[in-house]
């Protein structure tokens, strides 16, 4: 009695996240670490400056507002996340602040972006 077992390659497997499409990514490539240095080189100077302006606004304006809201004296145990919220609240604030600045068109981000590009990244400290 001969039993044959079919072999399946990664190119024949359908991705569970997409309907009917075939994932042709080699499995070894999925396991390799992502090289973020080459990703940054591919970005233009304008994109890098815009991301830096967004990060500045997120860390100096939005994150402190979220932290202050977390310390609300009127908060109740009904909406409190418990020990996990106390432990990881600052990290959650950072992520939410980045998402807020990335998803909205804040005029302060655009002002910082324009200022950096117009001055060539140099800041005038004399007024």
N, C-alpha and C. Protein backbone atom coordinates (compact mmCIF):
# COMPACT_ATOMS: atom_id res chain seq x y z
N UNK A 1 0.83 -1.16 0.00
CA UNK A 1 0.00 0.00 0.00
C UNK A 1 0.89 1.24 0.00
N UNK A 2 0.78 2.05 -1.02
CA UNK A 2 1.55 3.29 -1.13
C UNK A 2 0.68 4.48 -0.79
N UNK A 3 1.16 5.27 0.16
CA UNK A 3 0.45 6.49 0.54
C UNK A 3 1.33 7.67 0.16
N UNK A 4 0.78 8.56 -0.60
CA UNK A 4 1.56 9.75 -0.98
C UNK A 4 1.04 10.95 -0.20
N UNK A 5 1.97 11.69 0.34
CA UNK A 5 1.65 12.90 1.10
C UNK A 5 1.99 14.10 0.22
N UNK A 6 1.00 14.92 -0.05
CA UNK A 6 1.30 16.09 -0.89
C UNK A 6 2.14 17.10 -0.14
N UNK A 7 3.02 17.77 -0.85
CA UNK A 7 3.83 18.83 -0.25
C UNK A 7 3.21 20.17 -0.61
N UNK A 8 3.23 21.06 0.35
CA UNK A 8 2.66 22.39 0.16
C UNK A 8 3.75 23.41 0.42
N UNK A 9 3.90 24.34 -0.49
CA UNK A 9 4.88 25.42 -0.31
C UNK A 9 4.17 26.65 0.23
N UNK A 10 4.95 27.60 0.71
CA UNK A 10 4.36 28.82 1.27
C UNK A 10 3.64 29.64 0.21
N UNK A 11 3.99 29.48 -1.05
CA UNK A 11 3.31 30.25 -2.09
C UNK A 11 1.94 29.67 -2.40
N UNK A 12 1.66 28.46 -1.95
CA UNK A 12 0.36 27.86 -2.20
C UNK A 12 -0.63 28.10 -1.07
N UNK A 13 -0.16 28.65 0.03
CA UNK A 13 -1.03 28.88 1.17
C UNK A 13 -1.73 30.22 1.03
N UNK A 14 -3.01 30.24 1.28
CA UNK A 14 -3.77 31.50 1.25
C UNK A 14 -3.64 32.18 2.59
N UNK A 15 -3.48 33.46 2.56
CA UNK A 15 -3.37 34.23 3.79
C UNK A 15 -4.73 34.27 4.47
N UNK A 16 -4.80 34.02 5.78
CA UNK A 16 -6.09 34.04 6.45
C UNK A 16 -6.69 35.44 6.58
N UNK A 17 -5.88 36.48 6.40
CA UNK A 17 -6.38 37.84 6.57
C UNK A 17 -7.00 38.40 5.31
N UNK A 18 -6.69 37.81 4.18
CA UNK A 18 -7.25 38.30 2.93
C UNK A 18 -8.05 37.18 2.29
N UNK A 19 -9.08 37.52 1.60
CA UNK A 19 -9.94 36.49 1.02
C UNK A 19 -9.43 36.08 -0.35
N UNK A 20 -8.96 34.84 -0.44
CA UNK A 20 -8.59 34.26 -1.71
C UNK A 20 -7.24 34.66 -2.26
N UNK A 21 -6.54 35.59 -1.69
CA UNK A 21 -5.24 35.96 -2.24
C UNK A 21 -4.17 35.02 -1.73
N UNK A 22 -3.11 34.91 -2.48
CA UNK A 22 -2.03 33.99 -2.12
C UNK A 22 -0.86 34.79 -1.60
N UNK A 23 -0.34 34.37 -0.45
CA UNK A 23 0.81 35.02 0.15
C UNK A 23 2.07 34.44 -0.47
N UNK A 24 2.83 35.28 -1.16
CA UNK A 24 4.04 34.80 -1.82
C UNK A 24 5.31 35.20 -1.09
N UNK A 25 5.19 35.66 0.15
CA UNK A 25 6.34 36.06 0.93
C UNK A 25 7.08 34.82 1.42
N UNK A 26 8.39 34.72 1.17
CA UNK A 26 9.13 33.57 1.69
C UNK A 26 9.11 33.55 3.21
N UNK A 27 9.00 32.36 3.77
CA UNK A 27 8.89 32.22 5.22
C UNK A 27 10.13 32.76 5.93
N UNK A 28 11.31 32.56 5.36
CA UNK A 28 12.54 33.05 5.99
C UNK A 28 12.54 34.57 6.09
N UNK A 29 11.93 35.24 5.11
CA UNK A 29 11.86 36.70 5.14
C UNK A 29 10.98 37.18 6.28
N UNK A 30 9.92 36.43 6.59
CA UNK A 30 9.04 36.81 7.69
C UNK A 30 9.74 36.72 9.03
N UNK A 31 10.72 35.83 9.16
CA UNK A 31 11.43 35.65 10.41
C UNK A 31 12.60 36.61 10.57
N UNK A 32 13.03 37.22 9.49
CA UNK A 32 14.18 38.12 9.58
C UNK A 32 13.78 39.43 10.24
N UNK A 33 14.69 40.03 11.02
CA UNK A 33 14.36 41.30 11.67
C UNK A 33 14.21 42.41 10.64
N UNK A 34 13.35 43.35 10.96
CA UNK A 34 13.11 44.47 10.06
C UNK A 34 14.24 45.46 10.22
N UNK A 35 14.80 45.88 9.12
CA UNK A 35 15.89 46.85 9.14
C UNK A 35 15.29 48.25 9.06
N UNK A 36 15.16 48.89 10.21
CA UNK A 36 14.54 50.22 10.23
C UNK A 36 15.47 51.30 9.71
N UNK A 37 16.76 51.04 9.69
CA UNK A 37 17.69 52.05 9.18
C UNK A 37 17.46 52.30 7.70
N UNK A 38 17.22 51.24 6.93
CA UNK A 38 16.97 51.44 5.51
C UNK A 38 15.61 52.05 5.27
N UNK A 39 14.64 51.79 6.17
CA UNK A 39 13.33 52.41 6.04
C UNK A 39 13.42 53.92 6.24
N UNK A 40 14.28 54.35 7.16
CA UNK A 40 14.43 55.79 7.41
C UNK A 40 15.11 56.49 6.24
N UNK A 41 16.03 55.80 5.59
CA UNK A 41 16.73 56.41 4.46
C UNK A 41 15.74 56.64 3.31
N UNK A 42 14.77 55.76 3.18
CA UNK A 42 13.81 55.89 2.09
C UNK A 42 12.88 57.08 2.29
N UNK A 43 12.74 57.56 3.51
CA UNK A 43 11.89 58.71 3.76
C UNK A 43 12.59 59.99 3.31
N UNK A 44 11.78 60.90 2.84
CA UNK A 44 12.34 62.19 2.46
C UNK A 44 12.59 63.03 3.71
N UNK A 45 13.34 64.10 3.52
CA UNK A 45 13.64 65.00 4.63
C UNK A 45 12.35 65.59 5.19
N UNK A 46 11.41 65.92 4.32
CA UNK A 46 10.15 66.51 4.76
C UNK A 46 9.36 65.54 5.63
N UNK A 47 9.35 64.26 5.26
CA UNK A 47 8.64 63.26 6.05
C UNK A 47 9.29 63.09 7.42
N UNK A 48 10.61 63.10 7.46
CA UNK A 48 11.32 62.96 8.73
C UNK A 48 11.04 64.17 9.64
N UNK A 49 11.03 65.36 9.06
CA UNK A 49 10.77 66.57 9.84
C UNK A 49 9.33 66.55 10.36
N UNK A 50 8.39 66.13 9.52
CA UNK A 50 7.00 66.08 9.93
C UNK A 50 6.81 65.07 11.07
N UNK A 51 7.44 63.91 10.98
CA UNK A 51 7.35 62.91 12.06
C UNK A 51 7.98 63.44 13.34
N UNK A 52 9.08 64.17 13.22
CA UNK A 52 9.73 64.75 14.40
C UNK A 52 8.83 65.80 15.04
N UNK A 53 8.17 66.60 14.23
CA UNK A 53 7.25 67.62 14.77
C UNK A 53 6.07 66.95 15.46
N UNK A 54 5.55 65.89 14.87
CA UNK A 54 4.45 65.15 15.51
C UNK A 54 4.90 64.54 16.84
N UNK A 55 6.10 63.98 16.88
CA UNK A 55 6.60 63.38 18.12
C UNK A 55 6.80 64.44 19.20
N UNK A 56 7.27 65.63 18.80
CA UNK A 56 7.46 66.71 19.75
C UNK A 56 6.12 67.15 20.36
N UNK A 57 5.12 67.33 19.52
CA UNK A 57 3.81 67.74 20.01
C UNK A 57 3.19 66.65 20.88
N UNK A 58 3.35 65.40 20.47
CA UNK A 58 2.78 64.29 21.24
C UNK A 58 3.39 64.22 22.64
N UNK A 59 4.71 64.39 22.72
CA UNK A 59 5.38 64.22 24.02
C UNK A 59 5.28 65.46 24.91
N UNK A 60 5.15 66.64 24.33
CA UNK A 60 5.15 67.85 25.16
C UNK A 60 3.77 68.44 25.41
N UNK A 61 2.80 68.15 24.55
CA UNK A 61 1.48 68.73 24.73
C UNK A 61 0.39 67.70 25.03
N UNK A 62 0.30 66.68 24.19
CA UNK A 62 -0.81 65.73 24.30
C UNK A 62 -0.60 64.77 25.47
N UNK A 63 0.59 64.22 25.61
CA UNK A 63 0.85 63.25 26.68
C UNK A 63 0.62 63.84 28.08
N UNK A 64 1.08 65.06 28.38
CA UNK A 64 0.77 65.63 29.70
C UNK A 64 -0.73 65.83 29.95
N UNK A 65 -1.48 66.17 28.89
CA UNK A 65 -2.93 66.31 29.05
C UNK A 65 -3.57 64.97 29.39
N UNK A 66 -3.13 63.92 28.73
CA UNK A 66 -3.66 62.59 29.02
C UNK A 66 -3.28 62.14 30.43
N UNK A 67 -2.06 62.44 30.84
CA UNK A 67 -1.62 62.07 32.20
C UNK A 67 -2.43 62.82 33.24
N UNK A 68 -2.73 64.08 32.98
CA UNK A 68 -3.55 64.87 33.91
C UNK A 68 -4.97 64.32 33.98
N UNK A 69 -5.51 63.93 32.85
CA UNK A 69 -6.85 63.35 32.84
C UNK A 69 -6.89 62.02 33.59
N UNK A 70 -5.81 61.28 33.54
CA UNK A 70 -5.72 60.00 34.25
C UNK A 70 -5.74 60.22 35.77
N UNK A 71 -5.27 61.38 36.23
CA UNK A 71 -5.22 61.69 37.67
C UNK A 71 -6.47 62.44 38.12
N UNK A 72 -7.55 62.33 37.38
CA UNK A 72 -8.79 63.02 37.69
C UNK A 72 -9.28 62.67 39.09
N UNK A 73 -9.56 63.66 39.93
CA UNK A 73 -10.01 63.36 41.30
C UNK A 73 -11.41 62.76 41.35
N UNK A 74 -12.16 62.86 40.27
CA UNK A 74 -13.53 62.35 40.25
C UNK A 74 -13.65 60.97 39.59
N UNK A 75 -12.52 60.33 39.31
CA UNK A 75 -12.60 59.02 38.66
C UNK A 75 -13.17 57.99 39.64
N UNK A 76 -13.83 57.00 39.08
CA UNK A 76 -14.45 55.97 39.91
C UNK A 76 -13.82 54.62 39.58
N UNK A 77 -14.07 53.66 40.45
CA UNK A 77 -13.57 52.30 40.20
C UNK A 77 -14.32 51.63 39.06
N UNK A 78 -15.44 52.17 38.67
CA UNK A 78 -16.22 51.60 37.59
C UNK A 78 -15.44 51.59 36.27
N UNK A 79 -14.67 52.64 36.01
CA UNK A 79 -13.92 52.74 34.76
C UNK A 79 -12.41 52.59 34.95
N UNK A 80 -11.99 52.25 36.15
CA UNK A 80 -10.57 52.12 36.43
C UNK A 80 -10.05 50.78 35.92
N UNK A 81 -8.88 50.79 35.30
CA UNK A 81 -8.29 49.57 34.74
C UNK A 81 -7.52 48.74 35.73
N UNK A 82 -7.48 49.15 36.98
CA UNK A 82 -6.82 48.36 38.02
C UNK A 82 -5.31 48.53 37.99
N UNK A 83 -4.63 47.47 38.42
CA UNK A 83 -3.17 47.47 38.53
C UNK A 83 -2.51 47.70 37.18
N UNK A 84 -3.07 47.11 36.12
CA UNK A 84 -2.47 47.27 34.79
C UNK A 84 -2.51 48.72 34.33
N UNK A 85 -3.59 49.41 34.60
CA UNK A 85 -3.68 50.82 34.21
C UNK A 85 -2.69 51.66 35.01
N UNK A 86 -2.55 51.35 36.28
CA UNK A 86 -1.59 52.08 37.11
C UNK A 86 -0.17 51.84 36.63
N UNK A 87 0.13 50.60 36.23
CA UNK A 87 1.48 50.23 35.82
C UNK A 87 1.83 50.74 34.43
N UNK A 88 0.92 50.55 33.50
CA UNK A 88 1.22 50.85 32.09
C UNK A 88 0.50 52.09 31.58
N UNK A 89 -0.03 52.91 32.46
CA UNK A 89 -0.76 54.10 32.04
C UNK A 89 0.08 55.08 31.26
N UNK A 90 1.32 55.27 31.67
CA UNK A 90 2.20 56.21 30.95
C UNK A 90 2.51 55.72 29.54
N UNK A 91 2.70 54.41 29.39
CA UNK A 91 2.94 53.86 28.05
C UNK A 91 1.70 54.02 27.17
N UNK A 92 0.54 53.77 27.76
CA UNK A 92 -0.70 53.95 27.01
C UNK A 92 -0.88 55.41 26.59
N UNK A 93 -0.55 56.32 27.49
CA UNK A 93 -0.63 57.75 27.16
C UNK A 93 0.28 58.10 25.98
N UNK A 94 1.48 57.53 25.96
CA UNK A 94 2.42 57.78 24.86
C UNK A 94 1.86 57.30 23.53
N UNK A 95 1.31 56.09 23.53
CA UNK A 95 0.77 55.52 22.30
C UNK A 95 -0.43 56.32 21.82
N UNK A 96 -1.33 56.66 22.73
CA UNK A 96 -2.52 57.44 22.35
C UNK A 96 -2.12 58.82 21.87
N UNK A 97 -1.14 59.44 22.50
CA UNK A 97 -0.68 60.77 22.07
C UNK A 97 -0.11 60.73 20.66
N UNK A 98 0.67 59.68 20.36
CA UNK A 98 1.22 59.54 19.00
C UNK A 98 0.10 59.32 17.99
N UNK A 99 -0.90 58.54 18.36
CA UNK A 99 -2.01 58.30 17.44
C UNK A 99 -2.84 59.56 17.22
N UNK A 100 -3.01 60.35 18.26
CA UNK A 100 -3.76 61.61 18.11
C UNK A 100 -3.05 62.56 17.17
N UNK A 101 -1.74 62.73 17.35
CA UNK A 101 -1.02 63.67 16.48
C UNK A 101 -0.90 63.13 15.07
N UNK A 102 -0.87 61.82 14.90
CA UNK A 102 -0.79 61.24 13.57
C UNK A 102 -2.11 61.28 12.82
N UNK A 103 -3.22 61.19 13.55
CA UNK A 103 -4.53 61.11 12.92
C UNK A 103 -5.19 62.47 12.71
N UNK A 104 -4.72 63.47 13.40
CA UNK A 104 -5.34 64.79 13.26
C UNK A 104 -4.37 65.76 12.60
N UNK A 105 -4.92 66.83 12.11
CA UNK A 105 -4.11 67.86 11.47
C UNK A 105 -4.00 69.04 12.43
N UNK A 106 -3.09 68.92 13.39
CA UNK A 106 -2.93 69.98 14.38
C UNK A 106 -2.10 71.12 13.79
N UNK A 107 -2.57 72.33 13.99
CA UNK A 107 -1.87 73.48 13.42
C UNK A 107 -0.51 73.69 14.07
N UNK A 108 -0.35 73.29 15.32
CA UNK A 108 0.95 73.45 15.98
C UNK A 108 2.00 72.54 15.34
N UNK A 109 1.58 71.35 14.90
CA UNK A 109 2.51 70.45 14.21
C UNK A 109 2.97 71.09 12.90
N UNK A 110 2.03 71.64 12.16
CA UNK A 110 2.37 72.29 10.89
C UNK A 110 3.25 73.51 11.11
N UNK A 111 3.02 74.27 12.18
CA UNK A 111 3.84 75.45 12.48
C UNK A 111 5.28 75.04 12.81
N UNK A 112 5.43 74.00 13.61
CA UNK A 112 6.78 73.52 13.94
C UNK A 112 7.46 72.97 12.69
N UNK A 113 6.72 72.23 11.89
CA UNK A 113 7.24 71.67 10.64
C UNK A 113 7.74 72.79 9.71
N UNK A 114 6.91 73.81 9.52
CA UNK A 114 7.30 74.94 8.65
C UNK A 114 8.51 75.68 9.22
N UNK A 115 8.53 75.86 10.52
CA UNK A 115 9.64 76.59 11.16
C UNK A 115 10.96 75.85 10.97
N UNK A 116 10.94 74.53 11.14
CA UNK A 116 12.17 73.74 11.00
C UNK A 116 12.63 73.75 9.55
N UNK A 117 11.71 73.58 8.61
CA UNK A 117 12.10 73.55 7.20
C UNK A 117 12.60 74.91 6.72
N UNK A 118 11.98 75.99 7.18
CA UNK A 118 12.37 77.33 6.72
C UNK A 118 13.69 77.79 7.32
N UNK A 119 14.05 77.26 8.48
CA UNK A 119 15.31 77.66 9.09
C UNK A 119 16.41 76.65 8.83
N UNK A 120 16.10 75.61 8.09
CA UNK A 120 17.12 74.60 7.80
C UNK A 120 17.50 73.78 9.02
N UNK A 121 16.60 73.72 10.00
CA UNK A 121 16.87 72.94 11.21
C UNK A 121 17.64 73.70 12.27
N UNK A 122 18.04 74.95 11.94
CA UNK A 122 18.77 75.76 12.92
C UNK A 122 17.80 76.62 13.69
N UNK A 123 17.99 76.70 14.97
CA UNK A 123 17.10 77.50 15.83
C UNK A 123 17.84 78.76 16.25
N UNK A 124 17.18 79.89 16.06
CA UNK A 124 17.76 81.17 16.46
C UNK A 124 17.52 81.38 17.95
N UNK A 125 18.58 81.37 18.73
CA UNK A 125 18.46 81.51 20.18
C UNK A 125 18.56 82.96 20.63
N UNK A 126 18.77 83.87 19.69
CA UNK A 126 18.94 85.27 20.04
C UNK A 126 17.67 86.09 19.92
N UNK A 127 16.55 85.44 19.63
CA UNK A 127 15.31 86.19 19.61
C UNK A 127 14.67 86.20 18.33
